[in-house]
Amino acid sequence: MRGWFRGASSRPAEDPPTHESEDFVRSTRMTAQTCPRQHQRTTMEISSLQPSLYTVKAVFILDNDGNRLLSKYYDTELYPSMKEQQNFEKNVFNKTHKADNEIAFVEGMTIVYKCSIDLFFYVAGSAQENELMLMAVLNCLFESLSQILRKNVERRSLLDNMDGVFLVVDEIIDGGVILESDPQQVIQKVNYRADENPLSEQSVAQHITDKLAMTSNIMQSAKEQIKWSILK
């Protein structure tokens, strides 16, 4: 994650082993020998707490009635059907839309959220996920959309610029992996991708119509000038 890990290349020197750490190692070895099942369970619990690149489970935006405007789920096994996803979103909305907090725990998931006028923004991770990581994604998403929508972060403006909203989400997260947490970097990449995209059929037609109208105006102006020159 490029925006998140800047300036984090140095590591402090490790402390020398202590008697406590040596005792812990010996006790762990004894547990592995005498209680293999308990040792395996403890190992699994520790490994489940290890950090993962796949930080984000889902991102969704709801209106002030709890209706979905945008959603992307990165864990296909979490809520595989549309109905399950909508039930989860409705449950999250019911537990958060009147709360003053920024973090909620719903159905074994860590949820961070933010509201703006008639919109609610949600980023979901696992129960063990670092809340600060999720909050960094949420803040980046909100600030990037605020620039895309020219600080008019509300339902109508969001729906009118949905293509840009999807581009923003894709620049921040890819398959649950956080790619970027700097809004300025996101905006630059979104603008670059928008410039690369060819014109759609509708925009081409509009472009031709504008050109024809401009040509017609020029021709009309020329006719008027010729008419007045003859009359003189």
C-alpha atoms as a PDB file:
ATOM      1  CA  MET A   1       0.000   0.000   0.000  1.00  0.00           C
ATOM      2  CA  ARG A   2       1.925   2.928  -1.339  1.00  0.00           C
ATOM      3  CA  GLY A   3       0.305   5.775   0.591  1.00  0.00           C
ATOM      4  CA  TRP A   4       0.238   3.981   3.906  1.00  0.00           C
ATOM      5  CA  PHE A   5       3.808   2.673   4.175  1.00  0.00           C
ATOM      6  CA  ARG A   6       5.736   5.830   3.230  1.00  0.00           C
ATOM      7  CA  GLY A   7       8.569   6.543   5.590  1.00  0.00           C
ATOM      8  CA  ALA A   8       8.260   3.200   7.352  1.00  0.00           C
ATOM      9  CA  SER A   9      11.423   1.543   6.044  1.00  0.00           C
ATOM     10  CA  SER A  10      13.494   1.621   9.246  1.00  0.00           C
ATOM     11  CA  ARG A  11      13.121  -0.996  11.997  1.00  0.00           C
ATOM     12  CA  PRO A  12      14.303  -0.638  15.549  1.00  0.00           C
ATOM     13  CA  ALA A  13      16.957  -3.054  16.750  1.00  0.00           C
ATOM     14  CA  GLU A  14      15.571  -6.133  18.429  1.00  0.00           C
ATOM     15  CA  ASP A  15      16.077  -6.476  22.161  1.00  0.00           C
ATOM     16  CA  PRO A  16      18.307  -9.301  23.365  1.00  0.00           C
ATOM     17  CA  PRO A  17      16.470 -12.376  24.656  1.00  0.00           C
ATOM     18  CA  THR A  18      15.459 -12.258  28.295  1.00  0.00           C
ATOM     19  CA  HIS A  19      14.825 -14.956  30.863  1.00  0.00           C
ATOM     20  CA  GLU A  20      11.089 -14.393  30.410  1.00  0.00           C
ATOM     21  CA  SER A  21      11.272 -15.036  26.656  1.00  0.00           C
ATOM     22  CA  GLU A  22      13.387 -18.161  27.223  1.00  0.00           C
ATOM     23  CA  ASP A  23      10.847 -19.429  29.743  1.00  0.00           C
ATOM     24  CA  PHE A  24       8.053 -18.775  27.217  1.00  0.00           C
ATOM     25  CA  VAL A  25       9.873 -20.781  24.532  1.00  0.00           C
ATOM     26  CA  ARG A  26      10.445 -23.694  26.943  1.00  0.00           C
ATOM     27  CA  SER A  27       6.801 -23.663  28.047  1.00  0.00           C
ATOM     28  CA  THR A  28       5.633 -23.596  24.419  1.00  0.00           C
ATOM     29  CA  ARG A  29       7.812 -26.598  23.584  1.00  0.00           C
ATOM     30  CA  MET A  30       6.476 -28.480  26.613  1.00  0.00           C
ATOM     31  CA  THR A  31       2.896 -27.688  25.539  1.00  0.00           C
ATOM     32  CA  ALA A  32       3.625 -28.944  22.034  1.00  0.00           C
ATOM     33  CA  GLN A  33       4.973 -32.208  23.459  1.00  0.00           C
ATOM     34  CA  THR A  34       2.404 -32.864  26.202  1.00  0.00           C
ATOM     35  CA  CYS A  35      -0.745 -31.296  24.686  1.00  0.00           C
ATOM     36  CA  PRO A  36      -0.445 -31.320  20.885  1.00  0.00           C
ATOM     37  CA  ARG A  37      -4.121 -30.383  20.340  1.00  0.00           C
ATOM     38  CA  GLN A  38      -3.886 -27.377  22.645  1.00  0.00           C
ATOM     39  CA  HIS A  39      -0.646 -26.320  20.950  1.00  0.00           C
ATOM     40  CA  GLN A  40      -2.248 -26.588  17.514  1.00  0.00           C
ATOM     41  CA  ARG A  41      -5.269 -24.533  18.634  1.00  0.00           C
ATOM     42  CA  THR A  42      -3.030 -21.849  20.143  1.00  0.00           C
ATOM     43  CA  THR A  43      -0.946 -21.714  16.973  1.00  0.00           C
ATOM     44  CA  MET A  44      -4.079 -21.300  14.845  1.00  0.00           C
ATOM     45  CA  GLU A  45      -5.365 -18.515  17.096  1.00  0.00           C
ATOM     46  CA  ILE A  46      -2.047 -16.661  16.873  1.00  0.00           C
ATOM     47  CA  SER A  47      -1.872 -17.059  13.083  1.00  0.00           C
ATOM     48  CA  SER A  48      -5.420 -15.712  12.718  1.00  0.00           C
ATOM     49  CA  LEU A  49      -4.253 -12.492  14.363  1.00  0.00           C
ATOM     50  CA  GLN A  50      -1.357 -11.995  11.951  1.00  0.00           C
ATOM     51  CA  PRO A  51      -1.716  -8.952   9.638  1.00  0.00           C
ATOM     52  CA  SER A  52      -2.855  -9.616   6.086  1.00  0.00           C
ATOM     53  CA  LEU A  53      -2.692  -7.656   2.854  1.00  0.00           C
ATOM     54  CA  TYR A  54      -6.368  -8.456   2.310  1.00  0.00           C
ATOM     55  CA  THR A  55      -7.535  -5.821   4.768  1.00  0.00           C
ATOM     56  CA  VAL A  56     -10.887  -4.721   3.336  1.00  0.00           C
ATOM     57  CA  LYS A  57     -13.814  -7.113   3.128  1.00  0.00           C
ATOM     58  CA  ALA A  58     -16.361  -4.697   1.687  1.00  0.00           C
ATOM     59  CA  VAL A  59     -17.078  -1.060   0.843  1.00  0.00           C
ATOM     60  CA  PHE A  60     -20.586   0.287   0.436  1.00  0.00           C
ATOM     61  CA  ILE A  61     -22.392   3.619   0.274  1.00  0.00           C
ATOM     62  CA  LEU A  62     -26.019   3.954   1.384  1.00  0.00           C
ATOM     63  CA  ASP A  63     -28.484   6.824   1.300  1.00  0.00           C
ATOM     64  CA  ASN A  64     -30.243   8.133   4.414  1.00  0.00           C
ATOM     65  CA  ASP A  65     -32.974   5.489   4.004  1.00  0.00           C
ATOM     66  CA  GLY A  66     -30.466   2.646   3.974  1.00  0.00           C
ATOM     67  CA  ASN A  67     -30.762   2.018   0.226  1.00  0.00           C
ATOM     68  CA  ARG A  68     -27.645   0.850  -1.596  1.00  0.00           C
ATOM     69  CA  LEU A  69     -25.998   3.293  -3.991  1.00  0.00           C
ATOM     70  CA  LEU A  70     -22.668   1.494  -4.371  1.00  0.00           C
ATOM     71  CA  SER A  71     -21.167  -1.682  -2.944  1.00  0.00           C
ATOM     72  CA  LYS A  72     -18.125  -3.837  -3.578  1.00  0.00           C
ATOM     73  CA  TYR A  73     -17.444  -7.098  -1.718  1.00  0.00           C
ATOM     74  CA  TYR A  74     -13.901  -8.459  -1.885  1.00  0.00           C
ATOM     75  CA  ASP A  75     -14.449 -11.703   0.042  1.00  0.00           C
ATOM     76  CA  THR A  76     -16.686 -13.864  -2.143  1.00  0.00           C
ATOM     77  CA  GLU A  77     -17.345 -16.313   0.694  1.00  0.00           C
ATOM     78  CA  LEU A  78     -18.531 -13.633   3.115  1.00  0.00           C
ATOM     79  CA  TYR A  79     -21.952 -12.834   1.630  1.00  0.00           C
ATOM     80  CA  PRO A  80     -22.120 -14.671  -1.705  1.00  0.00           C
ATOM     81  CA  SER A  81     -25.664 -13.674  -2.703  1.00  0.00           C
ATOM     82  CA  MET A  82     -27.177 -10.253  -3.345  1.00  0.00           C
ATOM     83  CA  LYS A  83     -29.861 -10.882  -0.724  1.00  0.00           C
ATOM     84  CA  GLU A  84     -27.279 -11.701   1.957  1.00  0.00           C
ATOM     85  CA  GLN A  85     -25.319  -8.571   1.129  1.00  0.00           C
ATOM     86  CA  GLN A  86     -28.390  -6.351   1.316  1.00  0.00           C
ATOM     87  CA  ASN A  87     -29.456  -7.909   4.615  1.00  0.00           C
ATOM     88  CA  PHE A  88     -25.997  -7.258   6.023  1.00  0.00           C
ATOM     89  CA  GLU A  89     -26.040  -3.651   4.792  1.00  0.00           C
ATOM     90  CA  LYS A  90     -29.489  -3.070   6.252  1.00  0.00           C
ATOM     91  CA  ASN A  91     -28.344  -4.508   9.585  1.00  0.00           C
ATOM     92  CA  VAL A  92     -25.272  -2.276   9.591  1.00  0.00           C
ATOM     93  CA  PHE A  93     -27.352   0.776   8.694  1.00  0.00           C
ATOM     94  CA  ASN A  94     -29.907   0.121  11.453  1.00  0.00           C
ATOM     95  CA  LYS A  95     -27.139  -0.076  14.050  1.00  0.00           C
ATOM     96  CA  THR A  96     -25.152   2.936  12.895  1.00  0.00           C
ATOM     97  CA  HIS A  97     -27.299   5.630  11.274  1.00  0.00           C
ATOM     98  CA  LYS A  98     -28.369   7.125  14.624  1.00  0.00           C
ATOM     99  CA  ALA A  99     -25.128   6.471  16.495  1.00  0.00           C
ATOM    100  CA  ASP A 100     -22.439   9.065  17.181  1.00  0.00           C
ATOM    101  CA  ASN A 101     -19.539   6.611  16.933  1.00  0.00           C
ATOM    102  CA  GLU A 102     -17.268   5.974  13.972  1.00  0.00           C
ATOM    103  CA  ILE A 103     -16.679   2.268  14.626  1.00  0.00           C
ATOM    104  CA  ALA A 104     -19.158  -0.577  14.990  1.00  0.00           C
ATOM    105  CA  PHE A 105     -18.939  -4.364  15.331  1.00  0.00           C
ATOM    106  CA  VAL A 106     -21.680  -6.122  13.368  1.00  0.00           C
ATOM    107  CA  GLU A 107     -21.969  -9.838  12.542  1.00  0.00           C
ATOM    108  CA  GLY A 108     -18.349 -10.453  13.517  1.00  0.00           C
ATOM    109  CA  MET A 109     -17.097  -7.618  11.308  1.00  0.00           C
ATOM    110  CA  THR A 110     -15.286  -4.386  12.155  1.00  0.00           C
ATOM    111  CA  ILE A 111     -17.099  -1.492  10.491  1.00  0.00           C
ATOM    112  CA  VAL A 112     -15.881   2.101  10.218  1.00  0.00           C
ATOM    113  CA  TYR A 113     -18.285   4.676   8.835  1.00  0.00           C
ATOM    114  CA  LYS A 114     -18.902   8.329   8.095  1.00  0.00           C
ATOM    115  CA  CYS A 115     -22.012  10.293   7.086  1.00  0.00           C
ATOM    116  CA  SER A 116     -22.433  13.388   4.910  1.00  0.00           C
ATOM    117  CA  ILE A 117     -25.828  15.068   4.374  1.00  0.00           C
ATOM    118  CA  ASP A 118     -27.855  12.135   2.962  1.00  0.00           C
ATOM    119  CA  LEU A 119     -25.030   9.612   2.450  1.00  0.00           C
ATOM    120  CA  PHE A 120     -23.402   6.956   4.656  1.00  0.00           C
ATOM    121  CA  PHE A 121     -19.964   5.560   3.794  1.00  0.00           C
ATOM    122  CA  TYR A 122     -18.881   2.179   5.181  1.00  0.00           C
ATOM    123  CA  VAL A 123     -15.638   0.174   5.107  1.00  0.00           C
ATOM    124  CA  ALA A 124     -15.735  -3.347   6.559  1.00  0.00           C
ATOM    125  CA  GLY A 125     -12.935  -5.629   7.714  1.00  0.00           C
ATOM    126  CA  SER A 126     -12.567  -8.776   9.802  1.00  0.00           C
ATOM    127  CA  ALA A 127     -13.030  -8.772  13.566  1.00  0.00           C
ATOM    128  CA  GLN A 128      -9.224  -8.775  14.064  1.00  0.00           C
ATOM    129  CA  GLU A 129      -8.542  -6.016  11.533  1.00  0.00           C
ATOM    130  CA  ASN A 130      -6.682  -2.857  12.534  1.00  0.00           C
ATOM    131  CA  GLU A 131      -9.294  -0.114  12.867  1.00  0.00           C
ATOM    132  CA  LEU A 132      -6.775   2.578  11.930  1.00  0.00           C
ATOM    133  CA  MET A 133      -6.122   0.876   8.594  1.00  0.00           C
ATOM    134  CA  LEU A 134      -9.828   0.755   7.828  1.00  0.00           C
ATOM    135  CA  MET A 135     -10.241   4.374   8.916  1.00  0.00           C
ATOM    136  CA  ALA A 136      -7.413   5.421   6.595  1.00  0.00           C
ATOM    137  CA  VAL A 137      -9.290   3.819   3.689  1.00  0.00           C
ATOM    138  CA  LEU A 138     -12.547   5.498   4.706  1.00  0.00           C
ATOM    139  CA  ASN A 139     -10.955   8.939   5.005  1.00  0.00           C
ATOM    140  CA  CYS A 140      -9.185   8.544   1.667  1.00  0.00           C
ATOM    141  CA  LEU A 141     -12.443   7.495   0.009  1.00  0.00           C
ATOM    142  CA  PHE A 142     -14.372  10.415   1.478  1.00  0.00           C
ATOM    143  CA  GLU A 143     -11.724  13.059   0.715  1.00  0.00           C
ATOM    144  CA  SER A 144     -11.240  11.773  -2.839  1.00  0.00           C
ATOM    145  CA  LEU A 145     -14.980  11.830  -3.528  1.00  0.00           C
ATOM    146  CA  SER A 146     -15.228  15.272  -1.965  1.00  0.00           C
ATOM    147  CA  GLN A 147     -12.781  16.539  -4.595  1.00  0.00           C
ATOM    148  CA  ILE A 148     -14.450  14.634  -7.429  1.00  0.00           C
ATOM    149  CA  LEU A 149     -17.863  16.022  -6.416  1.00  0.00           C
ATOM    150  CA  ARG A 150     -16.431  19.504  -5.681  1.00  0.00           C
ATOM    151  CA  LYS A 151     -17.261  19.247  -1.991  1.00  0.00           C
ATOM    152  CA  ASN A 152     -20.919  18.553  -2.790  1.00  0.00           C
ATOM    153  CA  VAL A 153     -21.004  15.110  -1.189  1.00  0.00           C
ATOM    154  CA  GLU A 154     -24.685  14.261  -1.432  1.00  0.00           C
ATOM    155  CA  ARG A 155     -26.908  11.676  -3.120  1.00  0.00           C
ATOM    156  CA  ARG A 156     -27.802  13.507  -6.340  1.00  0.00           C
ATOM    157  CA  SER A 157     -24.220  14.557  -7.046  1.00  0.00           C
ATOM    158  CA  LEU A 158     -22.962  11.033  -6.310  1.00  0.00           C
ATOM    159  CA  LEU A 159     -25.419   9.431  -8.720  1.00  0.00           C
ATOM    160  CA  ASP A 160     -24.556  11.965 -11.438  1.00  0.00           C
ATOM    161  CA  ASN A 161     -20.852  11.071 -11.147  1.00  0.00           C
ATOM    162  CA  MET A 162     -21.043   7.334 -10.511  1.00  0.00           C
ATOM    163  CA  ASP A 163     -18.353   6.450 -13.074  1.00  0.00           C
ATOM    164  CA  GLY A 164     -15.855   8.627 -11.219  1.00  0.00           C
ATOM    165  CA  VAL A 165     -16.935   7.149  -7.886  1.00  0.00           C
ATOM    166  CA  PHE A 166     -16.164   3.613  -9.079  1.00  0.00           C
ATOM    167  CA  LEU A 167     -12.789   4.752 -10.395  1.00  0.00           C
ATOM    168  CA  VAL A 168     -11.953   6.239  -6.989  1.00  0.00           C
ATOM    169  CA  VAL A 169     -12.853   3.019  -5.177  1.00  0.00           C
ATOM    170  CA  ASP A 170     -10.796   0.922  -7.608  1.00  0.00           C
ATOM    171  CA  GLU A 171      -7.747   3.155  -7.159  1.00  0.00           C
ATOM    172  CA  ILE A 172      -7.909   2.790  -3.363  1.00  0.00           C
ATOM    173  CA  ILE A 173      -8.684  -0.946  -3.105  1.00  0.00           C
ATOM    174  CA  ASP A 174      -8.010  -3.882  -5.388  1.00  0.00           C
ATOM    175  CA  GLY A 175      -9.371  -7.268  -4.359  1.00  0.00           C
ATOM    176  CA  GLY A 176      -9.372  -6.250  -0.696  1.00  0.00           C
ATOM    177  CA  VAL A 177      -5.761  -5.006  -0.803  1.00  0.00           C
ATOM    178  CA  ILE A 178      -5.223  -1.332   0.025  1.00  0.00           C
ATOM    179  CA  LEU A 179      -3.384   0.310  -2.873  1.00  0.00           C
ATOM    180  CA  GLU A 180      -3.496   3.957  -1.848  1.00  0.00           C
ATOM    181  CA  SER A 181      -4.416   6.102   1.153  1.00  0.00           C
ATOM    182  CA  ASP A 182      -3.424   9.523  -0.205  1.00  0.00           C
ATOM    183  CA  PRO A 183      -6.433  11.338  -1.766  1.00  0.00           C
ATOM    184  CA  GLN A 184      -4.205  13.501  -3.981  1.00  0.00           C
ATOM    185  CA  GLN A 185      -2.594  10.431  -5.527  1.00  0.00           C
ATOM    186  CA  VAL A 186      -6.017   8.887  -6.081  1.00  0.00           C
ATOM    187  CA  ILE A 187      -7.332  12.000  -7.849  1.00  0.00           C
ATOM    188  CA  GLN A 188      -4.280  12.174 -10.113  1.00  0.00           C
ATOM    189  CA  LYS A 189      -4.703   8.541 -11.159  1.00  0.00           C
ATOM    190  CA  VAL A 190      -8.449   8.912 -11.695  1.00  0.00           C
ATOM    191  CA  ASN A 191      -7.897  11.961 -13.901  1.00  0.00           C
ATOM    192  CA  TYR A 192      -5.215  10.086 -15.858  1.00  0.00           C
ATOM    193  CA  ARG A 193      -7.516   7.115 -16.449  1.00  0.00           C
ATOM    194  CA  ALA A 194     -10.370   9.410 -17.455  1.00  0.00           C
ATOM    195  CA  ASP A 195      -8.127  11.088 -20.051  1.00  0.00           C
ATOM    196  CA  GLU A 196      -7.133   7.683 -21.448  1.00  0.00           C
ATOM    197  CA  ASN A 197     -10.720   6.485 -21.962  1.00  0.00           C
ATOM    198  CA  PRO A 198     -12.101   7.023 -25.488  1.00  0.00           C
ATOM    199  CA  LEU A 199     -15.244   9.074 -25.984  1.00  0.00           C
ATOM    200  CA  SER A 200     -18.506   7.174 -25.612  1.00  0.00           C
ATOM    201  CA  GLU A 201     -21.087   7.122 -28.404  1.00  0.00           C
ATOM    202  CA  GLN A 202     -23.206   9.661 -26.553  1.00  0.00           C
ATOM    203  CA  SER A 203     -20.306  12.056 -25.997  1.00  0.00           C
ATOM    204  CA  VAL A 204     -19.231  11.675 -29.657  1.00  0.00           C
ATOM    205  CA  ALA A 205     -22.752  12.514 -30.821  1.00  0.00           C
ATOM    206  CA  GLN A 206     -22.839  15.528 -28.526  1.00  0.00           C
ATOM    207  CA  HIS A 207     -19.434  16.626 -29.805  1.00  0.00           C
ATOM    208  CA  ILE A 208     -20.645  16.425 -33.431  1.00  0.00           C
ATOM    209  CA  THR A 209     -23.855  18.315 -32.579  1.00  0.00           C
ATOM    210  CA  ASP A 210     -21.867  21.104 -30.927  1.00  0.00           C
ATOM    211  CA  LYS A 211     -19.550  21.348 -33.931  1.00  0.00           C
ATOM    212  CA  LEU A 212     -22.491  21.504 -36.370  1.00  0.00           C
ATOM    213  CA  ALA A 213     -24.172  24.204 -34.294  1.00  0.00           C
ATOM    214  CA  MET A 214     -20.959  26.229 -34.245  1.00  0.00           C
ATOM    215  CA  THR A 215     -20.571  25.841 -38.032  1.00  0.00           C
ATOM    216  CA  SER A 216     -24.189  26.884 -38.575  1.00  0.00           C
ATOM    217  CA  ASN A 217     -23.673  30.017 -36.483  1.00  0.00           C
ATOM    218  CA  ILE A 218     -20.536  30.904 -38.428  1.00  0.00           C
ATOM    219  CA  MET A 219     -22.362  30.434 -41.761  1.00  0.00           C
ATOM    220  CA  GLN A 220     -25.280  32.551 -40.602  1.00  0.00           C
ATOM    221  CA  SER A 221     -22.932  35.308 -39.474  1.00  0.00           C
ATOM    222  CA  ALA A 222     -21.158  35.217 -42.853  1.00  0.00           C
ATOM    223  CA  LYS A 223     -24.467  35.492 -44.709  1.00  0.00           C
ATOM    224  CA  GLU A 224     -25.446  38.508 -42.638  1.00  0.00           C
ATOM    225  CA  GLN A 225     -22.130  40.210 -43.379  1.00  0.00           C
ATOM    226  CA  ILE A 226     -22.503  39.569 -47.156  1.00  0.00           C
ATOM    227  CA  LYS A 227     -26.090  40.876 -47.067  1.00  0.00           C
ATOM    228  CA  TRP A 228     -25.111  44.135 -45.377  1.00  0.00           C
ATOM    229  CA  SER A 229     -22.131  44.622 -47.678  1.00  0.00           C
ATOM    230  CA  ILE A 230     -24.416  44.301 -50.770  1.00  0.00           C
ATOM    231  CA  LEU A 231     -26.958  46.752 -49.317  1.00  0.00           C
ATOM    232  CA  LYS A 232     -24.238  49.310 -48.790  1.00  0.00           C
END
